[in-house]
Each structure stands twice: as structure tokens, then as C-alpha cells.
Amino acid sequence: PSGHGDRLELALRCTRLGRSSLGLETEATCG
């Protein structure tokens, strides 16, 4: 869980590229 005041870091990574699609992975971390 994350709580009020936590400072998250969202990291987005492109995992695959199709003709019209895009695969993404998004990870949130705190400390």
C-alpha cells in the first residue's frame, strides 16, 4: 500500500511496438 504523503516514482517502459499498438510496463516504487 501507499499512504498520504508518500513520494512515488512511476517508471514507464515500452515493451513492444505493433502496427497500431504499444505494450507498456509501469512500475511504482517508494523508497
All heavy atoms as atom14 arrays in JSON, in Angstrom:
{
  "sequence": "PSGHGDRLELALRCTRLGRSSLGLETEATCG",
  "atom14_mask": [
    [1, 1, 1, 1, 1, 1, 1, 0, 0, 0, 0, 0, 0, 0],
    [1, 1, 1, 1, 1, 1, 0, 0, 0, 0, 0, 0, 0, 0],
    [1, 1, 1, 1, 0, 0, 0, 0, 0, 0, 0, 0, 0, 0],
    [1, 1, 1, 1, 1, 1, 1, 1, 1, 1, 0, 0, 0, 0],
    [1, 1, 1, 1, 0, 0, 0, 0, 0, 0, 0, 0, 0, 0],
    [1, 1, 1, 1, 1, 1, 1, 1, 0, 0, 0, 0, 0, 0],
    [1, 1, 1, 1, 1, 1, 1, 1, 1, 1, 1, 0, 0, 0],
    [1, 1, 1, 1, 1, 1, 1, 1, 0, 0, 0, 0, 0, 0],
    [1, 1, 1, 1, 1, 1, 1, 1, 1, 0, 0, 0, 0, 0],
    [1, 1, 1, 1, 1, 1, 1, 1, 0, 0, 0, 0, 0, 0],
    [1, 1, 1, 1, 1, 0, 0, 0, 0, 0, 0, 0, 0, 0],
    [1, 1, 1, 1, 1, 1, 1, 1, 0, 0, 0, 0, 0, 0],
    [1, 1, 1, 1, 1, 1, 1, 1, 1, 1, 1, 0, 0, 0],
    [1, 1, 1, 1, 1, 1, 0, 0, 0, 0, 0, 0, 0, 0],
    [1, 1, 1, 1, 1, 1, 1, 0, 0, 0, 0, 0, 0, 0],
    [1, 1, 1, 1, 1, 1, 1, 1, 1, 1, 1, 0, 0, 0],
    [1, 1, 1, 1, 1, 1, 1, 1, 0, 0, 0, 0, 0, 0],
    [1, 1, 1, 1, 0, 0, 0, 0, 0, 0, 0, 0, 0, 0],
    [1, 1, 1, 1, 1, 1, 1, 1, 1, 1, 1, 0, 0, 0],
    [1, 1, 1, 1, 1, 1, 0, 0, 0, 0, 0, 0, 0, 0],
    [1, 1, 1, 1, 1, 1, 0, 0, 0, 0, 0, 0, 0, 0],
    [1, 1, 1, 1, 1, 1, 1, 1, 0, 0, 0, 0, 0, 0],
    [1, 1, 1, 1, 0, 0, 0, 0, 0, 0, 0, 0, 0, 0],
    [1, 1, 1, 1, 1, 1, 1, 1, 0, 0, 0, 0, 0, 0],
    [1, 1, 1, 1, 1, 1, 1, 1, 1, 0, 0, 0, 0, 0],
    [1, 1, 1, 1, 1, 1, 1, 0, 0, 0, 0, 0, 0, 0],
    [1, 1, 1, 1, 1, 1, 1, 1, 1, 0, 0, 0, 0, 0],
    [1, 1, 1, 1, 1, 0, 0, 0, 0, 0, 0, 0, 0, 0],
    [1, 1, 1, 1, 1, 1, 1, 0, 0, 0, 0, 0, 0, 0],
    [1, 1, 1, 1, 1, 1, 0, 0, 0, 0, 0, 0, 0, 0],
    [1, 1, 1, 1, 0, 0, 0, 0, 0, 0, 0, 0, 0, 0]
  ],
  "atom14_positions": [
    [[0.82, -1.21, 0.0], [0.0, 0.0, 0.0], [0.86, 1.26, 0.0], [2.02, 1.25, 0.41], [-0.8, -0.12, 1.3], [0.06, -0.94, 2.2], [0.8, -1.89, 1.29], [0.0, 0.0, 0.0], [0.0, 0.0, 0.0], [0.0, 0.0, 0.0], [0.0, 0.0, 0.0], [0.0, 0.0, 0.0], [0.0, 0.0, 0.0], [0.0, 0.0, 0.0]],
    [[0.26, 2.33, -0.48], [0.88, 3.65, -0.42], [-0.02, 4.55, 0.41], [-1.25, 4.42, 0.37], [1.03, 4.26, -1.83], [1.88, 3.47, -2.61], [0.0, 0.0, 0.0], [0.0, 0.0, 0.0], [0.0, 0.0, 0.0], [0.0, 0.0, 0.0], [0.0, 0.0, 0.0], [0.0, 0.0, 0.0], [0.0, 0.0, 0.0], [0.0, 0.0, 0.0]],
    [[0.58, 5.47, 1.14], [-0.18, 6.34, 2.01], [-0.01, 7.8, 1.67], [0.89, 8.2, 0.92], [0.0, 0.0, 0.0], [0.0, 0.0, 0.0], [0.0, 0.0, 0.0], [0.0, 0.0, 0.0], [0.0, 0.0, 0.0], [0.0, 0.0, 0.0], [0.0, 0.0, 0.0], [0.0, 0.0, 0.0], [0.0, 0.0, 0.0], [0.0, 0.0, 0.0]],
    [[-0.88, 8.59, 2.26], [-0.88, 10.04, 2.07], [0.53, 10.59, 2.38], [1.09, 10.31, 3.42], [-1.93, 10.67, 2.99], [-2.2, 12.09, 2.72], [-2.92, 12.87, 3.58], [-1.87, 12.9, 1.69], [-3.02, 14.09, 3.09], [-2.38, 14.13, 1.95], [0.0, 0.0, 0.0], [0.0, 0.0, 0.0], [0.0, 0.0, 0.0], [0.0, 0.0, 0.0]],
    [[1.07, 11.32, 1.44], [2.4, 11.92, 1.61], [3.54, 11.11, 1.02], [4.65, 11.64, 0.88], [0.0, 0.0, 0.0], [0.0, 0.0, 0.0], [0.0, 0.0, 0.0], [0.0, 0.0, 0.0], [0.0, 0.0, 0.0], [0.0, 0.0, 0.0], [0.0, 0.0, 0.0], [0.0, 0.0, 0.0], [0.0, 0.0, 0.0], [0.0, 0.0, 0.0]],
    [[3.3, 9.85, 0.69], [4.37, 9.04, 0.06], [4.78, 9.69, -1.25], [3.97, 10.27, -1.97], [3.9, 7.61, -0.22], [3.88, 6.73, 1.01], [4.34, 7.18, 2.08], [3.4, 5.58, 0.89], [0.0, 0.0, 0.0], [0.0, 0.0, 0.0], [0.0, 0.0, 0.0], [0.0, 0.0, 0.0], [0.0, 0.0, 0.0], [0.0, 0.0, 0.0]],
    [[6.04, 9.57, -1.57], [6.57, 10.09, -2.83], [6.91, 8.9, -3.72], [7.91, 8.23, -3.51], [7.77, 10.98, -2.59], [7.38, 12.23, -1.81], [8.5, 13.23, -1.7], [8.08, 14.39, -0.95], [7.44, 15.45, -1.45], [7.14, 15.48, -2.74], [7.09, 16.46, -0.7], [0.0, 0.0, 0.0], [0.0, 0.0, 0.0], [0.0, 0.0, 0.0]],
    [[6.01, 8.67, -4.67], [6.17, 7.55, -5.58], [7.02, 7.95, -6.77], [7.08, 9.13, -7.14], [4.81, 7.07, -6.09], [3.77, 6.66, -5.06], [2.48, 6.26, -5.76], [4.29, 5.53, -4.19], [0.0, 0.0, 0.0], [0.0, 0.0, 0.0], [0.0, 0.0, 0.0], [0.0, 0.0, 0.0], [0.0, 0.0, 0.0], [0.0, 0.0, 0.0]],
    [[7.64, 6.96, -7.36], [8.32, 7.13, -8.63], [7.66, 6.15, -9.6], [7.7, 4.94, -9.37], [9.81, 6.82, -8.49], [10.58, 6.99, -9.77], [12.06, 6.73, -9.57], [12.78, 7.7, -9.26], [12.49, 5.57, -9.73], [0.0, 0.0, 0.0], [0.0, 0.0, 0.0], [0.0, 0.0, 0.0], [0.0, 0.0, 0.0], [0.0, 0.0, 0.0]],
    [[7.03, 6.69, -10.63], [6.43, 5.84, -11.66], [7.41, 5.75, -12.81], [7.85, 6.77, -13.35], [5.1, 6.42, -12.14], [3.88, 6.09, -11.28], [3.88, 6.88, -10.0], [2.61, 6.3, -12.05], [0.0, 0.0, 0.0], [0.0, 0.0, 0.0], [0.0, 0.0, 0.0], [0.0, 0.0, 0.0], [0.0, 0.0, 0.0], [0.0, 0.0, 0.0]],
    [[7.78, 4.52, -13.16], [8.74, 4.28, -14.24], [8.04, 3.52, -15.34], [7.56, 2.4, -15.13], [9.94, 3.5, -13.71], [0.0, 0.0, 0.0], [0.0, 0.0, 0.0], [0.0, 0.0, 0.0], [0.0, 0.0, 0.0], [0.0, 0.0, 0.0], [0.0, 0.0, 0.0], [0.0, 0.0, 0.0], [0.0, 0.0, 0.0], [0.0, 0.0, 0.0]],
    [[7.97, 4.13, -16.52], [7.3, 3.55, -17.69], [8.35, 3.0, -18.64], [9.36, 3.66, -18.9], [6.46, 4.64, -18.37], [5.69, 4.25, -19.61], [4.4, 5.07, -19.66], [6.48, 4.48, -20.86], [0.0, 0.0, 0.0], [0.0, 0.0, 0.0], [0.0, 0.0, 0.0], [0.0, 0.0, 0.0], [0.0, 0.0, 0.0], [0.0, 0.0, 0.0]],
    [[8.09, 1.79, -19.13], [8.98, 1.14, -20.1], [8.14, 0.66, -21.28], [7.08, 0.07, -21.09], [9.64, -0.06, -19.41], [10.99, -0.41, -19.87], [11.65, -1.46, -18.97], [10.84, -2.62, -18.69], [10.75, -3.71, -19.46], [11.44, -3.78, -20.58], [10.0, -4.73, -19.12], [0.0, 0.0, 0.0], [0.0, 0.0, 0.0], [0.0, 0.0, 0.0]],
    [[8.59, 0.92, -22.48], [7.93, 0.42, -23.69], [8.44, -1.0, -23.93], [9.64, -1.21, -24.07], [8.26, 1.3, -24.9], [7.67, 2.99, -24.73], [0.0, 0.0, 0.0], [0.0, 0.0, 0.0], [0.0, 0.0, 0.0], [0.0, 0.0, 0.0], [0.0, 0.0, 0.0], [0.0, 0.0, 0.0], [0.0, 0.0, 0.0], [0.0, 0.0, 0.0]],
    [[7.51, -1.96, -24.0], [7.92, -3.36, -24.11], [7.76, -3.95, -25.5], [8.46, -4.89, -25.85], [7.14, -4.23, -23.1], [5.74, -4.08, -23.35], [7.47, -3.82, -21.67], [0.0, 0.0, 0.0], [0.0, 0.0, 0.0], [0.0, 0.0, 0.0], [0.0, 0.0, 0.0], [0.0, 0.0, 0.0], [0.0, 0.0, 0.0], [0.0, 0.0, 0.0]],
    [[6.82, -3.42, -26.28], [6.66, -3.92, -27.65], [5.91, -2.88, -28.47], [5.1, -2.11, -27.96], [5.95, -5.26, -27.69], [4.56, -5.24, -27.16], [3.89, -6.62, -27.18], [2.73, -6.6, -26.33], [1.62, -5.9, -26.55], [1.53, -5.15, -27.62], [0.61, -5.93, -25.71], [0.0, 0.0, 0.0], [0.0, 0.0, 0.0], [0.0, 0.0, 0.0]],
    [[6.21, -2.89, -29.76], [5.58, -1.96, -30.7], [4.98, -2.76, -31.84], [5.69, -3.49, -32.53], [6.63, -0.97, -31.23], [6.16, 0.08, -32.21], [5.09, 0.98, -31.6], [7.35, 0.91, -32.68], [0.0, 0.0, 0.0], [0.0, 0.0, 0.0], [0.0, 0.0, 0.0], [0.0, 0.0, 0.0], [0.0, 0.0, 0.0], [0.0, 0.0, 0.0]],
    [[3.66, -2.64, -32.0], [2.97, -3.31, -33.1], [2.61, -2.31, -34.18], [2.99, -1.14, -34.13], [0.0, 0.0, 0.0], [0.0, 0.0, 0.0], [0.0, 0.0, 0.0], [0.0, 0.0, 0.0], [0.0, 0.0, 0.0], [0.0, 0.0, 0.0], [0.0, 0.0, 0.0], [0.0, 0.0, 0.0], [0.0, 0.0, 0.0], [0.0, 0.0, 0.0]],
    [[1.84, -2.76, -35.14], [1.4, -1.9, -36.23], [0.68, -0.66, -35.7], [0.96, 0.46, -36.09], [0.48, -2.68, -37.17], [-0.04, -1.88, -38.36], [-1.07, -2.64, -39.17], [-2.37, -2.67, -38.52], [-3.29, -1.7, -38.61], [-3.06, -0.64, -39.34], [-4.43, -1.81, -37.98], [0.0, 0.0, 0.0], [0.0, 0.0, 0.0], [0.0, 0.0, 0.0]],
    [[-0.26, -0.88, -34.77], [-1.0, 0.22, -34.18], [-1.05, 0.14, -32.66], [-1.74, 0.92, -32.02], [-2.44, 0.25, -34.74], [-3.12, -0.94, -34.39], [0.0, 0.0, 0.0], [0.0, 0.0, 0.0], [0.0, 0.0, 0.0], [0.0, 0.0, 0.0], [0.0, 0.0, 0.0], [0.0, 0.0, 0.0], [0.0, 0.0, 0.0], [0.0, 0.0, 0.0]],
    [[-0.33, -0.8, -32.08], [-0.37, -0.99, -30.63], [0.98, -0.72, -29.99], [2.02, -0.7, -30.65], [-0.82, -2.42, -30.29], [0.13, -3.35, -30.75], [0.0, 0.0, 0.0], [0.0, 0.0, 0.0], [0.0, 0.0, 0.0], [0.0, 0.0, 0.0], [0.0, 0.0, 0.0], [0.0, 0.0, 0.0], [0.0, 0.0, 0.0], [0.0, 0.0, 0.0]],
    [[0.95, -0.52, -28.68], [2.15, -0.28, -27.89], [1.99, -0.97, -26.56], [1.0, -0.73, -25.84], [2.37, 1.22, -27.67], [3.53, 1.62, -26.78], [4.87, 1.22, -27.4], [3.49, 3.12, -26.49], [0.0, 0.0, 0.0], [0.0, 0.0, 0.0], [0.0, 0.0, 0.0], [0.0, 0.0, 0.0], [0.0, 0.0, 0.0], [0.0, 0.0, 0.0]],
    [[2.92, -1.86, -26.22], [2.93, -2.5, -24.92], [3.74, -1.68, -23.94], [4.83, -1.2, -24.27], [0.0, 0.0, 0.0], [0.0, 0.0, 0.0], [0.0, 0.0, 0.0], [0.0, 0.0, 0.0], [0.0, 0.0, 0.0], [0.0, 0.0, 0.0], [0.0, 0.0, 0.0], [0.0, 0.0, 0.0], [0.0, 0.0, 0.0], [0.0, 0.0, 0.0]],
    [[3.2, -1.5, -22.74], [3.87, -0.72, -21.7], [3.93, -1.5, -20.4], [3.07, -2.33, -20.12], [3.1, 0.58, -21.43], [2.95, 1.57, -22.56], [2.06, 2.73, -22.14], [4.31, 2.06, -23.03], [0.0, 0.0, 0.0], [0.0, 0.0, 0.0], [0.0, 0.0, 0.0], [0.0, 0.0, 0.0], [0.0, 0.0, 0.0], [0.0, 0.0, 0.0]],
    [[4.94, -1.19, -19.62], [5.04, -1.66, -18.25], [5.27, -0.42, -17.39], [6.15, 0.39, -17.7], [6.21, -2.63, -18.1], [6.38, -3.13, -16.68], [7.58, -4.05, -16.56], [7.43, -5.26, -16.78], [8.68, -3.52, -16.28], [0.0, 0.0, 0.0], [0.0, 0.0, 0.0], [0.0, 0.0, 0.0], [0.0, 0.0, 0.0], [0.0, 0.0, 0.0]],
    [[4.48, -0.27, -16.36], [4.62, 0.87, -15.46], [4.79, 0.33, -14.05], [3.94, -0.43, -13.56], [3.38, 1.79, -15.51], [3.14, 2.15, -16.86], [3.62, 3.05, -14.68], [0.0, 0.0, 0.0], [0.0, 0.0, 0.0], [0.0, 0.0, 0.0], [0.0, 0.0, 0.0], [0.0, 0.0, 0.0], [0.0, 0.0, 0.0], [0.0, 0.0, 0.0]],
    [[5.89, 0.71, -13.42], [6.17, 0.27, -12.05], [6.21, 1.48, -11.14], [6.84, 2.49, -11.47], [7.52, -0.46, -12.0], [7.88, -0.94, -10.62], [9.23, -1.62, -10.55], [10.16, -1.17, -11.25], [9.36, -2.59, -9.81], [0.0, 0.0, 0.0], [0.0, 0.0, 0.0], [0.0, 0.0, 0.0], [0.0, 0.0, 0.0], [0.0, 0.0, 0.0]],
    [[5.54, 1.36, -10.0], [5.59, 2.42, -8.99], [6.38, 1.92, -7.8], [6.13, 0.81, -7.3], [4.19, 2.83, -8.56], [0.0, 0.0, 0.0], [0.0, 0.0, 0.0], [0.0, 0.0, 0.0], [0.0, 0.0, 0.0], [0.0, 0.0, 0.0], [0.0, 0.0, 0.0], [0.0, 0.0, 0.0], [0.0, 0.0, 0.0], [0.0, 0.0, 0.0]],
    [[7.33, 2.74, -7.37], [8.12, 2.41, -6.18], [8.13, 3.61, -5.24], [7.87, 4.75, -5.64], [9.58, 2.05, -6.54], [10.16, 3.15, -7.25], [9.64, 0.79, -7.4], [0.0, 0.0, 0.0], [0.0, 0.0, 0.0], [0.0, 0.0, 0.0], [0.0, 0.0, 0.0], [0.0, 0.0, 0.0], [0.0, 0.0, 0.0], [0.0, 0.0, 0.0]],
    [[8.43, 3.34, -4.0], [8.6, 4.38, -2.99], [9.75, 3.93, -2.09], [9.67, 2.87, -1.46], [7.32, 4.57, -2.18], [7.43, 5.88, -0.93], [0.0, 0.0, 0.0], [0.0, 0.0, 0.0], [0.0, 0.0, 0.0], [0.0, 0.0, 0.0], [0.0, 0.0, 0.0], [0.0, 0.0, 0.0], [0.0, 0.0, 0.0], [0.0, 0.0, 0.0]],
    [[10.81, 4.71, -2.08], [11.97, 4.34, -1.28], [12.53, 2.98, -1.65], [13.01, 2.25, -0.8], [0.0, 0.0, 0.0], [0.0, 0.0, 0.0], [0.0, 0.0, 0.0], [0.0, 0.0, 0.0], [0.0, 0.0, 0.0], [0.0, 0.0, 0.0], [0.0, 0.0, 0.0], [0.0, 0.0, 0.0], [0.0, 0.0, 0.0], [0.0, 0.0, 0.0]]
  ]
}
